[in-house]
Amino acid sequence: MFENLGWIVEAQIKDGRRDDFKGIVEEIVAATRAEGGTLNYQYYVSDDGAVLVYERFANVDSAHIHITNWDRFADRWLEAAPATRMVYLGNIPQEIQDRHAAISPMVYKLFDGFAR
């Protein structure tokens, strides 16, 4: 199969915190852009402040680098937009799952498909 792995994080921006959240996101996107192994890091936000973040990494090492980087922003990010759900996409190693244990992600393992 493929070595890349990823996840989706959902959150809800608190009332009056949209601008704060946007500033935090701009910082973390800039920092994440420098992590060579992050393949996708995309934020989507609805008009009512629901957030969906799609993250995909070249391999497990790249995912660890990103999580370590994200930890620097986590408190401010979660204060402005608490996470409501996390979904793993693929076979996520236990050591990655352990780093997200507080969020209790749902695990979806690859059933079929392809990557280009």
N, C-alpha and C. Protein backbone atom coordinates (compact mmCIF):
# COMPACT_ATOMS: atom_id res chain seq x y z
N MET A 1 0.84 -1.19 0.00
CA MET A 1 0.00 0.00 0.00
C MET A 1 0.88 1.25 0.00
N PHE A 2 0.44 2.31 0.71
CA PHE A 2 1.24 3.53 0.73
C PHE A 2 1.75 3.81 2.14
N GLU A 3 2.85 4.55 2.18
CA GLU A 3 3.44 4.91 3.47
C GLU A 3 2.79 6.14 4.06
N ASN A 4 2.16 6.98 3.22
CA ASN A 4 1.64 8.22 3.79
C ASN A 4 0.45 7.94 4.68
N LEU A 5 0.23 8.85 5.60
CA LEU A 5 -0.86 8.71 6.56
C LEU A 5 -1.40 10.10 6.87
N GLY A 6 -2.57 10.12 7.46
CA GLY A 6 -3.13 11.43 7.76
C GLY A 6 -4.32 11.35 8.66
N TRP A 7 -4.91 12.52 8.87
CA TRP A 7 -6.08 12.61 9.72
C TRP A 7 -6.86 13.86 9.40
N ILE A 8 -8.05 13.90 9.94
CA ILE A 8 -8.92 15.06 9.86
C ILE A 8 -9.24 15.48 11.28
N VAL A 9 -9.13 16.77 11.56
CA VAL A 9 -9.50 17.32 12.86
C VAL A 9 -10.67 18.27 12.63
N GLU A 10 -11.67 18.16 13.48
CA GLU A 10 -12.79 19.09 13.44
C GLU A 10 -12.79 19.89 14.75
N ALA A 11 -13.21 21.15 14.66
CA ALA A 11 -13.25 22.03 15.82
C ALA A 11 -14.37 23.04 15.62
N GLN A 12 -14.61 23.83 16.64
CA GLN A 12 -15.62 24.89 16.55
C GLN A 12 -15.01 26.17 17.13
N ILE A 13 -14.93 27.20 16.31
CA ILE A 13 -14.39 28.48 16.77
C ILE A 13 -15.36 29.09 17.78
N LYS A 14 -14.84 29.52 18.92
CA LYS A 14 -15.67 30.15 19.94
C LYS A 14 -16.17 31.51 19.43
N ASP A 15 -17.33 31.90 19.92
CA ASP A 15 -17.88 33.21 19.57
C ASP A 15 -16.86 34.31 19.88
N GLY A 16 -16.68 35.19 18.92
CA GLY A 16 -15.77 36.31 19.10
C GLY A 16 -14.30 35.98 18.96
N ARG A 17 -13.95 34.75 18.60
CA ARG A 17 -12.55 34.33 18.53
C ARG A 17 -12.06 34.04 17.11
N ARG A 18 -12.88 34.32 16.11
CA ARG A 18 -12.51 33.99 14.72
C ARG A 18 -11.20 34.67 14.31
N ASP A 19 -11.04 35.95 14.61
CA ASP A 19 -9.81 36.65 14.24
C ASP A 19 -8.60 36.08 14.99
N ASP A 20 -8.78 35.77 16.27
CA ASP A 20 -7.70 35.14 17.05
C ASP A 20 -7.29 33.82 16.40
N PHE A 21 -8.30 33.02 16.07
CA PHE A 21 -8.03 31.71 15.47
C PHE A 21 -7.31 31.87 14.13
N LYS A 22 -7.76 32.81 13.32
CA LYS A 22 -7.12 33.04 12.02
C LYS A 22 -5.65 33.37 12.19
N GLY A 23 -5.33 34.21 13.19
CA GLY A 23 -3.92 34.55 13.44
C GLY A 23 -3.09 33.34 13.84
N ILE A 24 -3.64 32.50 14.69
CA ILE A 24 -2.95 31.28 15.12
C ILE A 24 -2.75 30.36 13.92
N VAL A 25 -3.79 30.21 13.11
CA VAL A 25 -3.70 29.34 11.93
C VAL A 25 -2.62 29.85 10.97
N GLU A 26 -2.56 31.14 10.75
CA GLU A 26 -1.53 31.69 9.87
C GLU A 26 -0.13 31.35 10.37
N GLU A 27 0.06 31.44 11.68
CA GLU A 27 1.37 31.09 12.27
C GLU A 27 1.70 29.62 12.07
N ILE A 28 0.74 28.76 12.37
CA ILE A 28 1.04 27.33 12.29
C ILE A 28 1.15 26.85 10.84
N VAL A 29 0.38 27.44 9.93
CA VAL A 29 0.53 27.07 8.53
C VAL A 29 1.93 27.44 8.03
N ALA A 30 2.41 28.62 8.40
CA ALA A 30 3.76 29.02 8.00
C ALA A 30 4.81 28.06 8.56
N ALA A 31 4.67 27.69 9.83
CA ALA A 31 5.61 26.75 10.45
C ALA A 31 5.52 25.37 9.81
N THR A 32 4.31 24.94 9.49
CA THR A 32 4.11 23.62 8.92
C THR A 32 4.63 23.55 7.49
N ARG A 33 4.53 24.64 6.76
CA ARG A 33 5.04 24.69 5.38
C ARG A 33 6.52 24.31 5.33
N ALA A 34 7.25 24.61 6.39
CA ALA A 34 8.69 24.32 6.45
C ALA A 34 9.00 22.86 6.79
N GLU A 35 8.00 22.08 7.16
CA GLU A 35 8.23 20.67 7.55
C GLU A 35 8.27 19.81 6.29
N GLY A 36 9.30 19.58 5.65
CA GLY A 36 9.34 18.90 4.37
C GLY A 36 8.37 17.76 4.12
N GLY A 37 8.02 16.96 5.11
CA GLY A 37 7.20 15.77 4.88
C GLY A 37 5.71 15.97 5.02
N THR A 38 5.26 17.20 5.27
CA THR A 38 3.82 17.45 5.33
C THR A 38 3.33 17.66 3.91
N LEU A 39 2.49 16.74 3.43
CA LEU A 39 2.02 16.78 2.05
C LEU A 39 0.79 17.66 1.87
N ASN A 40 -0.13 17.60 2.81
CA ASN A 40 -1.34 18.43 2.80
C ASN A 40 -1.55 18.97 4.20
N TYR A 41 -1.89 20.24 4.28
CA TYR A 41 -2.24 20.86 5.56
C TYR A 41 -3.22 21.96 5.20
N GLN A 42 -4.52 21.62 5.21
CA GLN A 42 -5.54 22.50 4.68
C GLN A 42 -6.64 22.73 5.70
N TYR A 43 -6.96 24.01 5.90
CA TYR A 43 -8.03 24.42 6.82
C TYR A 43 -9.25 24.82 6.00
N TYR A 44 -10.40 24.34 6.45
CA TYR A 44 -11.69 24.72 5.87
C TYR A 44 -12.55 25.20 7.03
N VAL A 45 -13.26 26.33 6.83
CA VAL A 45 -14.09 26.90 7.90
C VAL A 45 -15.45 27.27 7.31
N SER A 46 -16.52 26.86 8.00
CA SER A 46 -17.87 27.21 7.57
C SER A 46 -18.23 28.61 8.08
N ASP A 47 -19.31 29.14 7.57
CA ASP A 47 -19.76 30.47 8.00
C ASP A 47 -20.07 30.53 9.49
N ASP A 48 -20.48 29.39 10.07
CA ASP A 48 -20.80 29.39 11.51
C ASP A 48 -19.60 29.00 12.39
N GLY A 49 -18.41 28.92 11.80
CA GLY A 49 -17.20 28.69 12.59
C GLY A 49 -16.80 27.24 12.79
N ALA A 50 -17.47 26.31 12.11
CA ALA A 50 -17.03 24.91 12.18
C ALA A 50 -15.73 24.79 11.37
N VAL A 51 -14.77 24.09 11.92
CA VAL A 51 -13.44 23.97 11.31
C VAL A 51 -13.20 22.51 10.93
N LEU A 52 -12.61 22.29 9.76
CA LEU A 52 -12.15 20.98 9.35
C LEU A 52 -10.72 21.17 8.84
N VAL A 53 -9.81 20.39 9.40
CA VAL A 53 -8.40 20.44 8.98
C VAL A 53 -8.03 19.09 8.40
N TYR A 54 -7.54 19.10 7.15
CA TYR A 54 -7.09 17.87 6.49
C TYR A 54 -5.57 17.87 6.52
N GLU A 55 -5.01 16.80 7.09
CA GLU A 55 -3.56 16.69 7.24
C GLU A 55 -3.08 15.35 6.68
N ARG A 56 -2.04 15.40 5.84
CA ARG A 56 -1.48 14.17 5.28
C ARG A 56 0.03 14.30 5.27
N PHE A 57 0.69 13.20 5.63
CA PHE A 57 2.13 13.20 5.81
C PHE A 57 2.78 12.09 4.99
N ALA A 58 4.01 12.32 4.58
CA ALA A 58 4.73 11.36 3.74
C ALA A 58 4.98 10.04 4.47
N ASN A 59 5.18 10.11 5.79
CA ASN A 59 5.50 8.91 6.55
C ASN A 59 5.35 9.21 8.05
N VAL A 60 5.60 8.22 8.86
CA VAL A 60 5.44 8.35 10.31
C VAL A 60 6.38 9.41 10.88
N ASP A 61 7.61 9.45 10.41
CA ASP A 61 8.55 10.45 10.92
C ASP A 61 8.04 11.86 10.66
N SER A 62 7.48 12.09 9.49
CA SER A 62 6.93 13.41 9.15
C SER A 62 5.76 13.76 10.07
N ALA A 63 4.93 12.78 10.39
CA ALA A 63 3.81 13.02 11.30
C ALA A 63 4.31 13.39 12.69
N HIS A 64 5.35 12.72 13.17
CA HIS A 64 5.92 13.06 14.48
C HIS A 64 6.47 14.48 14.49
N ILE A 65 7.16 14.85 13.43
CA ILE A 65 7.70 16.22 13.34
C ILE A 65 6.56 17.23 13.42
N HIS A 66 5.49 16.96 12.70
CA HIS A 66 4.37 17.90 12.71
C HIS A 66 3.71 17.98 14.10
N ILE A 67 3.49 16.86 14.73
CA ILE A 67 2.86 16.88 16.05
C ILE A 67 3.72 17.68 17.04
N THR A 68 5.03 17.48 16.98
CA THR A 68 5.94 18.22 17.86
C THR A 68 5.83 19.72 17.56
N ASN A 69 5.77 20.08 16.29
CA ASN A 69 5.61 21.48 15.90
C ASN A 69 4.27 22.02 16.40
N TRP A 70 3.20 21.26 16.19
CA TRP A 70 1.85 21.69 16.58
C TRP A 70 1.75 21.91 18.09
N ASP A 71 2.48 21.12 18.85
CA ASP A 71 2.43 21.26 20.31
C ASP A 71 2.75 22.69 20.76
N ARG A 72 3.56 23.42 20.00
CA ARG A 72 3.91 24.80 20.35
C ARG A 72 2.70 25.74 20.23
N PHE A 73 1.71 25.36 19.43
CA PHE A 73 0.54 26.19 19.16
C PHE A 73 -0.73 25.66 19.84
N ALA A 74 -0.66 24.46 20.37
CA ALA A 74 -1.86 23.73 20.81
C ALA A 74 -2.71 24.49 21.81
N ASP A 75 -2.13 25.05 22.84
CA ASP A 75 -2.93 25.72 23.87
C ASP A 75 -3.73 26.88 23.29
N ARG A 76 -3.09 27.72 22.51
CA ARG A 76 -3.79 28.87 21.92
C ARG A 76 -4.83 28.43 20.90
N TRP A 77 -4.49 27.41 20.10
CA TRP A 77 -5.40 26.89 19.07
C TRP A 77 -6.66 26.36 19.73
N LEU A 78 -6.48 25.50 20.73
CA LEU A 78 -7.62 24.86 21.39
C LEU A 78 -8.44 25.84 22.23
N GLU A 79 -7.81 26.88 22.73
CA GLU A 79 -8.54 27.90 23.48
C GLU A 79 -9.49 28.66 22.56
N ALA A 80 -9.06 28.93 21.34
CA ALA A 80 -9.89 29.67 20.38
C ALA A 80 -10.90 28.77 19.67
N ALA A 81 -10.54 27.51 19.47
CA ALA A 81 -11.41 26.58 18.74
C ALA A 81 -11.22 25.17 19.27
N PRO A 82 -11.97 24.79 20.30
CA PRO A 82 -11.83 23.44 20.86
C PRO A 82 -12.11 22.36 19.82
N ALA A 83 -11.29 21.33 19.85
CA ALA A 83 -11.48 20.20 18.94
C ALA A 83 -12.75 19.45 19.33
N THR A 84 -13.51 19.05 18.32
CA THR A 84 -14.74 18.31 18.56
C THR A 84 -14.64 16.86 18.07
N ARG A 85 -13.70 16.60 17.16
CA ARG A 85 -13.59 15.25 16.60
C ARG A 85 -12.27 15.13 15.86
N MET A 86 -11.72 13.92 15.86
CA MET A 86 -10.53 13.62 15.08
C MET A 86 -10.72 12.26 14.45
N VAL A 87 -10.35 12.15 13.18
CA VAL A 87 -10.49 10.91 12.42
C VAL A 87 -9.14 10.56 11.81
N TYR A 88 -8.66 9.36 12.10
CA TYR A 88 -7.44 8.87 11.47
C TYR A 88 -7.77 8.24 10.14
N LEU A 89 -6.91 8.47 9.15
CA LEU A 89 -7.07 7.90 7.82
C LEU A 89 -5.90 6.96 7.56
N GLY A 90 -6.13 5.68 7.64
CA GLY A 90 -5.07 4.71 7.36
C GLY A 90 -4.59 4.01 8.61
N ASN A 91 -3.53 3.27 8.44
CA ASN A 91 -2.95 2.49 9.53
C ASN A 91 -2.00 3.39 10.32
N ILE A 92 -2.53 3.96 11.37
CA ILE A 92 -1.75 4.90 12.19
C ILE A 92 -1.05 4.11 13.30
N PRO A 93 0.28 4.20 13.35
CA PRO A 93 1.01 3.46 14.38
C PRO A 93 0.61 3.87 15.79
N GLN A 94 0.76 2.96 16.71
CA GLN A 94 0.35 3.20 18.10
C GLN A 94 1.04 4.42 18.70
N GLU A 95 2.32 4.63 18.36
CA GLU A 95 3.02 5.77 18.96
C GLU A 95 2.42 7.11 18.53
N ILE A 96 1.83 7.17 17.35
CA ILE A 96 1.11 8.38 16.93
C ILE A 96 -0.22 8.44 17.67
N GLN A 97 -0.92 7.33 17.74
CA GLN A 97 -2.19 7.30 18.46
C GLN A 97 -2.01 7.74 19.92
N ASP A 98 -0.92 7.33 20.54
CA ASP A 98 -0.66 7.70 21.93
C ASP A 98 -0.53 9.21 22.08
N ARG A 99 -0.01 9.88 21.07
CA ARG A 99 0.19 11.33 21.15
C ARG A 99 -1.13 12.09 21.03
N HIS A 100 -2.16 11.44 20.51
CA HIS A 100 -3.48 12.07 20.36
C HIS A 100 -4.52 11.46 21.30
N ALA A 101 -4.11 10.72 22.29
CA ALA A 101 -5.03 9.97 23.14
C ALA A 101 -6.11 10.84 23.77
N ALA A 102 -5.79 12.08 24.11
CA ALA A 102 -6.76 12.95 24.78
C ALA A 102 -7.96 13.28 23.88
N ILE A 103 -7.76 13.17 22.57
CA ILE A 103 -8.85 13.50 21.63
C ILE A 103 -9.67 12.25 21.26
N SER A 104 -9.14 11.07 21.52
CA SER A 104 -9.80 9.79 21.19
C SER A 104 -10.23 9.71 19.73
N PRO A 105 -9.28 9.74 18.80
CA PRO A 105 -9.65 9.70 17.38
C PRO A 105 -10.36 8.41 16.97
N MET A 106 -11.24 8.54 16.00
CA MET A 106 -11.87 7.40 15.34
C MET A 106 -10.86 6.92 14.28
N VAL A 107 -10.68 5.62 14.16
CA VAL A 107 -9.70 5.07 13.23
C VAL A 107 -10.42 4.46 12.02
N TYR A 108 -10.12 4.98 10.84
CA TYR A 108 -10.60 4.41 9.58
C TYR A 108 -9.41 3.84 8.86
N LYS A 109 -9.40 2.52 8.68
CA LYS A 109 -8.30 1.86 7.98
C LYS A 109 -8.62 1.77 6.50
N LEU A 110 -7.58 1.81 5.70
CA LEU A 110 -7.76 1.76 4.26
C LEU A 110 -8.52 0.50 3.86
N PHE A 111 -9.54 0.68 3.08
CA PHE A 111 -10.40 -0.41 2.60
C PHE A 111 -10.08 -0.71 1.14
N ASP A 112 -9.91 0.32 0.34
CA ASP A 112 -9.58 0.18 -1.08
C ASP A 112 -9.27 1.55 -1.63
N GLY A 113 -8.64 1.61 -2.77
CA GLY A 113 -8.37 2.89 -3.41
C GLY A 113 -6.93 2.99 -3.87
N PHE A 114 -6.52 4.21 -4.20
CA PHE A 114 -5.18 4.43 -4.70
C PHE A 114 -4.75 5.85 -4.40
N ALA A 115 -3.44 6.09 -4.50
CA ALA A 115 -2.87 7.42 -4.37
C ALA A 115 -1.96 7.64 -5.57
N ARG A 116 -1.93 8.84 -6.07
CA ARG A 116 -1.03 9.16 -7.20
C ARG A 116 0.09 10.03 -6.70
